């Protein structure tokens, strides 16, 4: 039974991945992210374990929902950017060198790294909560947090790193 399901799913994926990918890529204008989201469409199709193989209409409906979630995520990122800019202004007003340096590094990070760090450290989310918020697995959230920490550490001025380790 599983072998037949795997074959059927492989055929479904082979026949429809490119169409779903193009559908998503056109709407979000990010080819790398579109590939990831197209994969999510097929992950959902596999997890649903539908009695019949879903058609292109069903796959497009799932893709449409995923694109809508992507837009919501982008809106959250924009709100986080605005909040960060406000915090940078506040930190600058207090003239706290360490806060200024942290804010400056955060501002230089990619949106993805900044969002993960802000959610983990500012909002205090656990890895499980991060995964839920980011719409990914717990292990993927852990990897994203690790990469964001590494990117942050690579940008922190040396004198601050020395103060922390002294």
C-alpha atoms as a PDB file:
ATOM      1  CA  UNK A   1       0.000   0.000   0.000  1.00  0.00           C
ATOM      2  CA  UNK A   2       2.757   2.468   0.966  1.00  0.00           C
ATOM      3  CA  UNK A   3       4.765   1.705  -2.171  1.00  0.00           C
ATOM      4  CA  UNK A   4       1.748   2.437  -4.373  1.00  0.00           C
ATOM      5  CA  UNK A   5       1.110   5.654  -2.452  1.00  0.00           C
ATOM      6  CA  UNK A   6       4.732   6.717  -2.850  1.00  0.00           C
ATOM      7  CA  UNK A   7       4.628   6.044  -6.595  1.00  0.00           C
ATOM      8  CA  UNK A   8       1.390   7.950  -6.951  1.00  0.00           C
ATOM      9  CA  UNK A   9       2.767  10.863  -4.960  1.00  0.00           C
ATOM     10  CA  UNK A  10       6.012  10.900  -6.943  1.00  0.00           C
ATOM     11  CA  UNK A  11       3.984  11.087 -10.150  1.00  0.00           C
ATOM     12  CA  UNK A  12       1.815  13.863  -8.697  1.00  0.00           C
ATOM     13  CA  UNK A  13       4.918  15.802  -7.713  1.00  0.00           C
ATOM     14  CA  UNK A  14       6.642  15.287 -11.076  1.00  0.00           C
ATOM     15  CA  UNK A  15       3.581  16.352 -13.036  1.00  0.00           C
ATOM     16  CA  UNK A  16       2.657  19.403 -10.983  1.00  0.00           C
ATOM     17  CA  UNK A  17       5.645  20.813  -9.105  1.00  0.00           C
ATOM     18  CA  UNK A  18       6.697  23.222 -11.860  1.00  0.00           C
ATOM     19  CA  UNK A  19       3.171  24.636 -12.233  1.00  0.00           C
ATOM     20  CA  UNK A  20       2.787  25.128  -8.496  1.00  0.00           C
ATOM     21  CA  UNK A  21       6.263  26.643  -8.262  1.00  0.00           C
ATOM     22  CA  UNK A  22       5.485  29.143 -11.060  1.00  0.00           C
ATOM     23  CA  UNK A  23       2.131  29.986  -9.457  1.00  0.00           C
ATOM     24  CA  UNK A  24       3.854  30.846  -6.180  1.00  0.00           C
ATOM     25  CA  UNK A  25       6.958  32.508  -7.661  1.00  0.00           C
ATOM     26  CA  UNK A  26       4.825  34.878  -9.733  1.00  0.00           C
ATOM     27  CA  UNK A  27       2.909  35.990  -6.666  1.00  0.00           C
ATOM     28  CA  UNK A  28       5.706  36.391  -4.138  1.00  0.00           C
ATOM     29  CA  UNK A  29       8.549  37.465  -6.443  1.00  0.00           C
ATOM     30  CA  UNK A  30      11.196  35.415  -4.604  1.00  0.00           C
ATOM     31  CA  UNK A  31      12.376  32.312  -6.469  1.00  0.00           C
ATOM     32  CA  UNK A  32      14.177  30.691  -3.526  1.00  0.00           C
ATOM     33  CA  UNK A  33      11.243  31.159  -1.185  1.00  0.00           C
ATOM     34  CA  UNK A  34       8.843  30.026  -3.925  1.00  0.00           C
ATOM     35  CA  UNK A  35      10.684  26.723  -4.205  1.00  0.00           C
ATOM     36  CA  UNK A  36      10.440  26.223  -0.447  1.00  0.00           C
ATOM     37  CA  UNK A  37       6.735  27.072  -0.426  1.00  0.00           C
ATOM     38  CA  UNK A  38       6.017  24.821  -3.414  1.00  0.00           C
ATOM     39  CA  UNK A  39       7.630  22.027  -1.430  1.00  0.00           C
ATOM     40  CA  UNK A  40       5.273  22.861   1.427  1.00  0.00           C
ATOM     41  CA  UNK A  41       2.289  22.391  -0.900  1.00  0.00           C
ATOM     42  CA  UNK A  42       3.406  18.851  -1.645  1.00  0.00           C
ATOM     43  CA  UNK A  43       4.277  18.178   1.995  1.00  0.00           C
ATOM     44  CA  UNK A  44       0.699  19.085   2.869  1.00  0.00           C
ATOM     45  CA  UNK A  45      -0.595  16.867   0.068  1.00  0.00           C
ATOM     46  CA  UNK A  46       1.433  13.964   1.467  1.00  0.00           C
ATOM     47  CA  UNK A  47       0.378  14.599   5.059  1.00  0.00           C
ATOM     48  CA  UNK A  48      -3.314  14.836   4.168  1.00  0.00           C
ATOM     49  CA  UNK A  49      -3.235  11.250   2.865  1.00  0.00           C
ATOM     50  CA  UNK A  50      -6.305  11.896   0.742  1.00  0.00           C
ATOM     51  CA  UNK A  51      -8.266   8.873  -0.506  1.00  0.00           C
ATOM     52  CA  UNK A  52      -7.841  10.087  -4.084  1.00  0.00           C
ATOM     53  CA  UNK A  53      -4.892  11.811  -5.698  1.00  0.00           C
ATOM     54  CA  UNK A  54      -5.521  15.562  -5.516  1.00  0.00           C
ATOM     55  CA  UNK A  55      -5.888  17.419  -8.775  1.00  0.00           C
ATOM     56  CA  UNK A  56      -4.185  20.621  -9.825  1.00  0.00           C
ATOM     57  CA  UNK A  57      -7.147  22.635  -8.510  1.00  0.00           C
ATOM     58  CA  UNK A  58      -6.652  21.299  -4.999  1.00  0.00           C
ATOM     59  CA  UNK A  59      -2.903  21.921  -5.190  1.00  0.00           C
ATOM     60  CA  UNK A  60      -3.467  25.505  -6.375  1.00  0.00           C
ATOM     61  CA  UNK A  61      -5.923  26.085  -3.514  1.00  0.00           C
ATOM     62  CA  UNK A  62      -3.272  24.935  -1.032  1.00  0.00           C
ATOM     63  CA  UNK A  63      -0.689  27.123  -2.796  1.00  0.00           C
ATOM     64  CA  UNK A  64      -3.060  30.105  -2.594  1.00  0.00           C
ATOM     65  CA  UNK A  65      -3.383  29.611   1.173  1.00  0.00           C
ATOM     66  CA  UNK A  66       0.378  29.316   1.527  1.00  0.00           C
ATOM     67  CA  UNK A  67       0.891  32.516  -0.475  1.00  0.00           C
ATOM     68  CA  UNK A  68      -1.640  34.284   1.769  1.00  0.00           C
ATOM     69  CA  UNK A  69       0.313  33.111   4.822  1.00  0.00           C
ATOM     70  CA  UNK A  70       3.520  34.358   3.200  1.00  0.00           C
ATOM     71  CA  UNK A  71       1.981  37.814   2.764  1.00  0.00           C
ATOM     72  CA  UNK A  72       0.923  37.790   6.422  1.00  0.00           C
ATOM     73  CA  UNK A  73       4.473  36.836   7.399  1.00  0.00           C
ATOM     74  CA  UNK A  74       5.889  39.656   5.307  1.00  0.00           C
ATOM     75  CA  UNK A  75       3.517  42.062   7.032  1.00  0.00           C
ATOM     76  CA  UNK A  76       4.753  40.815  10.428  1.00  0.00           C
ATOM     77  CA  UNK A  77       8.337  41.316   9.260  1.00  0.00           C
ATOM     78  CA  UNK A  78       7.528  44.874   8.199  1.00  0.00           C
ATOM     79  CA  UNK A  79       6.028  45.557  11.621  1.00  0.00           C
ATOM     80  CA  UNK A  80       9.141  44.088  13.261  1.00  0.00           C
ATOM     81  CA  UNK A  81      11.373  46.291  11.089  1.00  0.00           C
ATOM     82  CA  UNK A  82       9.396  49.368  12.093  1.00  0.00           C
ATOM     83  CA  UNK A  83       9.562  48.362  15.754  1.00  0.00           C
ATOM     84  CA  UNK A  84      13.302  47.775  15.456  1.00  0.00           C
ATOM     85  CA  UNK A  85      13.815  51.183  13.861  1.00  0.00           C
ATOM     86  CA  UNK A  86      11.928  52.748  16.753  1.00  0.00           C
ATOM     87  CA  UNK A  87      14.076  50.834  19.246  1.00  0.00           C
ATOM     88  CA  UNK A  88      17.214  51.941  17.425  1.00  0.00           C
ATOM     89  CA  UNK A  89      16.078  55.565  17.791  1.00  0.00           C
ATOM     90  CA  UNK A  90      15.313  54.996  21.477  1.00  0.00           C
ATOM     91  CA  UNK A  91      18.668  53.312  22.070  1.00  0.00           C
ATOM     92  CA  UNK A  92      20.444  56.175  20.325  1.00  0.00           C
ATOM     93  CA  UNK A  93      18.624  58.669  22.524  1.00  0.00           C
ATOM     94  CA  UNK A  94      19.831  56.937  25.679  1.00  0.00           C
ATOM     95  CA  UNK A  95      23.398  57.055  24.347  1.00  0.00           C
ATOM     96  CA  UNK A  96      24.084  53.549  25.621  1.00  0.00           C
ATOM     97  CA  UNK A  97      27.033  52.290  23.541  1.00  0.00           C
ATOM     98  CA  UNK A  98      26.223  48.618  23.997  1.00  0.00           C
ATOM     99  CA  UNK A  99      22.568  49.116  23.083  1.00  0.00           C
ATOM    100  CA  UNK A 100      23.589  51.210  20.094  1.00  0.00           C
ATOM    101  CA  UNK A 101      25.952  48.502  18.907  1.00  0.00           C
ATOM    102  CA  UNK A 102      23.345  45.762  19.308  1.00  0.00           C
ATOM    103  CA  UNK A 103      20.721  47.828  17.508  1.00  0.00           C
ATOM    104  CA  UNK A 104      23.164  48.595  14.703  1.00  0.00           C
ATOM    105  CA  UNK A 105      24.013  44.914  14.271  1.00  0.00           C
ATOM    106  CA  UNK A 106      20.330  43.957  14.287  1.00  0.00           C
ATOM    107  CA  UNK A 107      19.641  46.565  11.628  1.00  0.00           C
ATOM    108  CA  UNK A 108      22.336  45.032   9.396  1.00  0.00           C
ATOM    109  CA  UNK A 109      21.032  41.469   9.686  1.00  0.00           C
ATOM    110  CA  UNK A 110      18.772  39.925   7.071  1.00  0.00           C
ATOM    111  CA  UNK A 111      15.060  40.158   7.775  1.00  0.00           C
ATOM    112  CA  UNK A 112      14.917  36.422   8.495  1.00  0.00           C
ATOM    113  CA  UNK A 113      17.765  36.501  11.024  1.00  0.00           C
ATOM    114  CA  UNK A 114      16.463  39.661  12.677  1.00  0.00           C
ATOM    115  CA  UNK A 115      12.951  38.256  13.005  1.00  0.00           C
ATOM    116  CA  UNK A 116      14.157  35.020  14.617  1.00  0.00           C
ATOM    117  CA  UNK A 117      16.380  36.851  17.105  1.00  0.00           C
ATOM    118  CA  UNK A 118      13.692  39.387  17.987  1.00  0.00           C
ATOM    119  CA  UNK A 119      11.119  36.643  18.533  1.00  0.00           C
ATOM    120  CA  UNK A 120      13.519  34.564  20.631  1.00  0.00           C
ATOM    121  CA  UNK A 121      15.158  37.275  22.721  1.00  0.00           C
ATOM    122  CA  UNK A 122      12.842  40.261  22.736  1.00  0.00           C
ATOM    123  CA  UNK A 123       9.546  38.375  22.777  1.00  0.00           C
ATOM    124  CA  UNK A 124      10.947  35.415  24.725  1.00  0.00           C
ATOM    125  CA  UNK A 125       9.582  32.680  22.456  1.00  0.00           C
ATOM    126  CA  UNK A 126      10.810  29.127  22.957  1.00  0.00           C
ATOM    127  CA  UNK A 127      11.981  27.085  19.979  1.00  0.00           C
ATOM    128  CA  UNK A 128       8.598  25.357  19.854  1.00  0.00           C
ATOM    129  CA  UNK A 129       6.830  28.730  19.855  1.00  0.00           C
ATOM    130  CA  UNK A 130       9.281  30.015  17.236  1.00  0.00           C
ATOM    131  CA  UNK A 131       8.425  27.072  14.994  1.00  0.00           C
ATOM    132  CA  UNK A 132       4.727  27.789  15.327  1.00  0.00           C
ATOM    133  CA  UNK A 133       5.220  31.499  14.685  1.00  0.00           C
ATOM    134  CA  UNK A 134       7.466  30.930  11.662  1.00  0.00           C
ATOM    135  CA  UNK A 135       5.363  28.114  10.265  1.00  0.00           C
ATOM    136  CA  UNK A 136       8.159  25.554  10.250  1.00  0.00           C
ATOM    137  CA  UNK A 137       9.261  22.470  12.160  1.00  0.00           C
ATOM    138  CA  UNK A 138      10.883  22.750  15.582  1.00  0.00           C
ATOM    139  CA  UNK A 139      14.186  21.528  14.178  1.00  0.00           C
ATOM    140  CA  UNK A 140      14.038  24.097  11.362  1.00  0.00           C
ATOM    141  CA  UNK A 141      13.320  26.829  13.927  1.00  0.00           C
ATOM    142  CA  UNK A 142      16.332  25.688  15.936  1.00  0.00           C
ATOM    143  CA  UNK A 143      18.530  25.802  12.846  1.00  0.00           C
ATOM    144  CA  UNK A 144      17.235  29.263  11.930  1.00  0.00           C
ATOM    145  CA  UNK A 145      17.945  30.514  15.447  1.00  0.00           C
ATOM    146  CA  UNK A 146      21.445  29.010  15.382  1.00  0.00           C
ATOM    147  CA  UNK A 147      22.207  30.643  12.026  1.00  0.00           C
ATOM    148  CA  UNK A 148      20.819  33.981  13.195  1.00  0.00           C
ATOM    149  CA  UNK A 149      22.955  33.851  16.347  1.00  0.00           C
ATOM    150  CA  UNK A 150      26.007  33.011  14.266  1.00  0.00           C
ATOM    151  CA  UNK A 151      25.318  35.889  11.860  1.00  0.00           C
ATOM    152  CA  UNK A 152      24.787  38.251  14.798  1.00  0.00           C
ATOM    153  CA  UNK A 153      27.990  37.142  16.533  1.00  0.00           C
ATOM    154  CA  UNK A 154      29.927  37.641  13.312  1.00  0.00           C
ATOM    155  CA  UNK A 155      28.850  41.286  13.169  1.00  0.00           C
ATOM    156  CA  UNK A 156      29.260  42.283  16.823  1.00  0.00           C
ATOM    157  CA  UNK A 157      32.173  44.704  17.268  1.00  0.00           C
ATOM    158  CA  UNK A 158      35.249  43.017  18.739  1.00  0.00           C
ATOM    159  CA  UNK A 159      35.406  45.325  21.766  1.00  0.00           C
ATOM    160  CA  UNK A 160      31.933  44.189  22.859  1.00  0.00           C
ATOM    161  CA  UNK A 161      32.834  40.533  22.426  1.00  0.00           C
ATOM    162  CA  UNK A 162      35.927  41.107  24.575  1.00  0.00           C
ATOM    163  CA  UNK A 163      33.830  42.803  27.280  1.00  0.00           C
ATOM    164  CA  UNK A 164      31.472  39.821  27.374  1.00  0.00           C
ATOM    165  CA  UNK A 165      34.221  37.228  27.606  1.00  0.00           C
ATOM    166  CA  UNK A 166      36.334  39.139  30.155  1.00  0.00           C
END
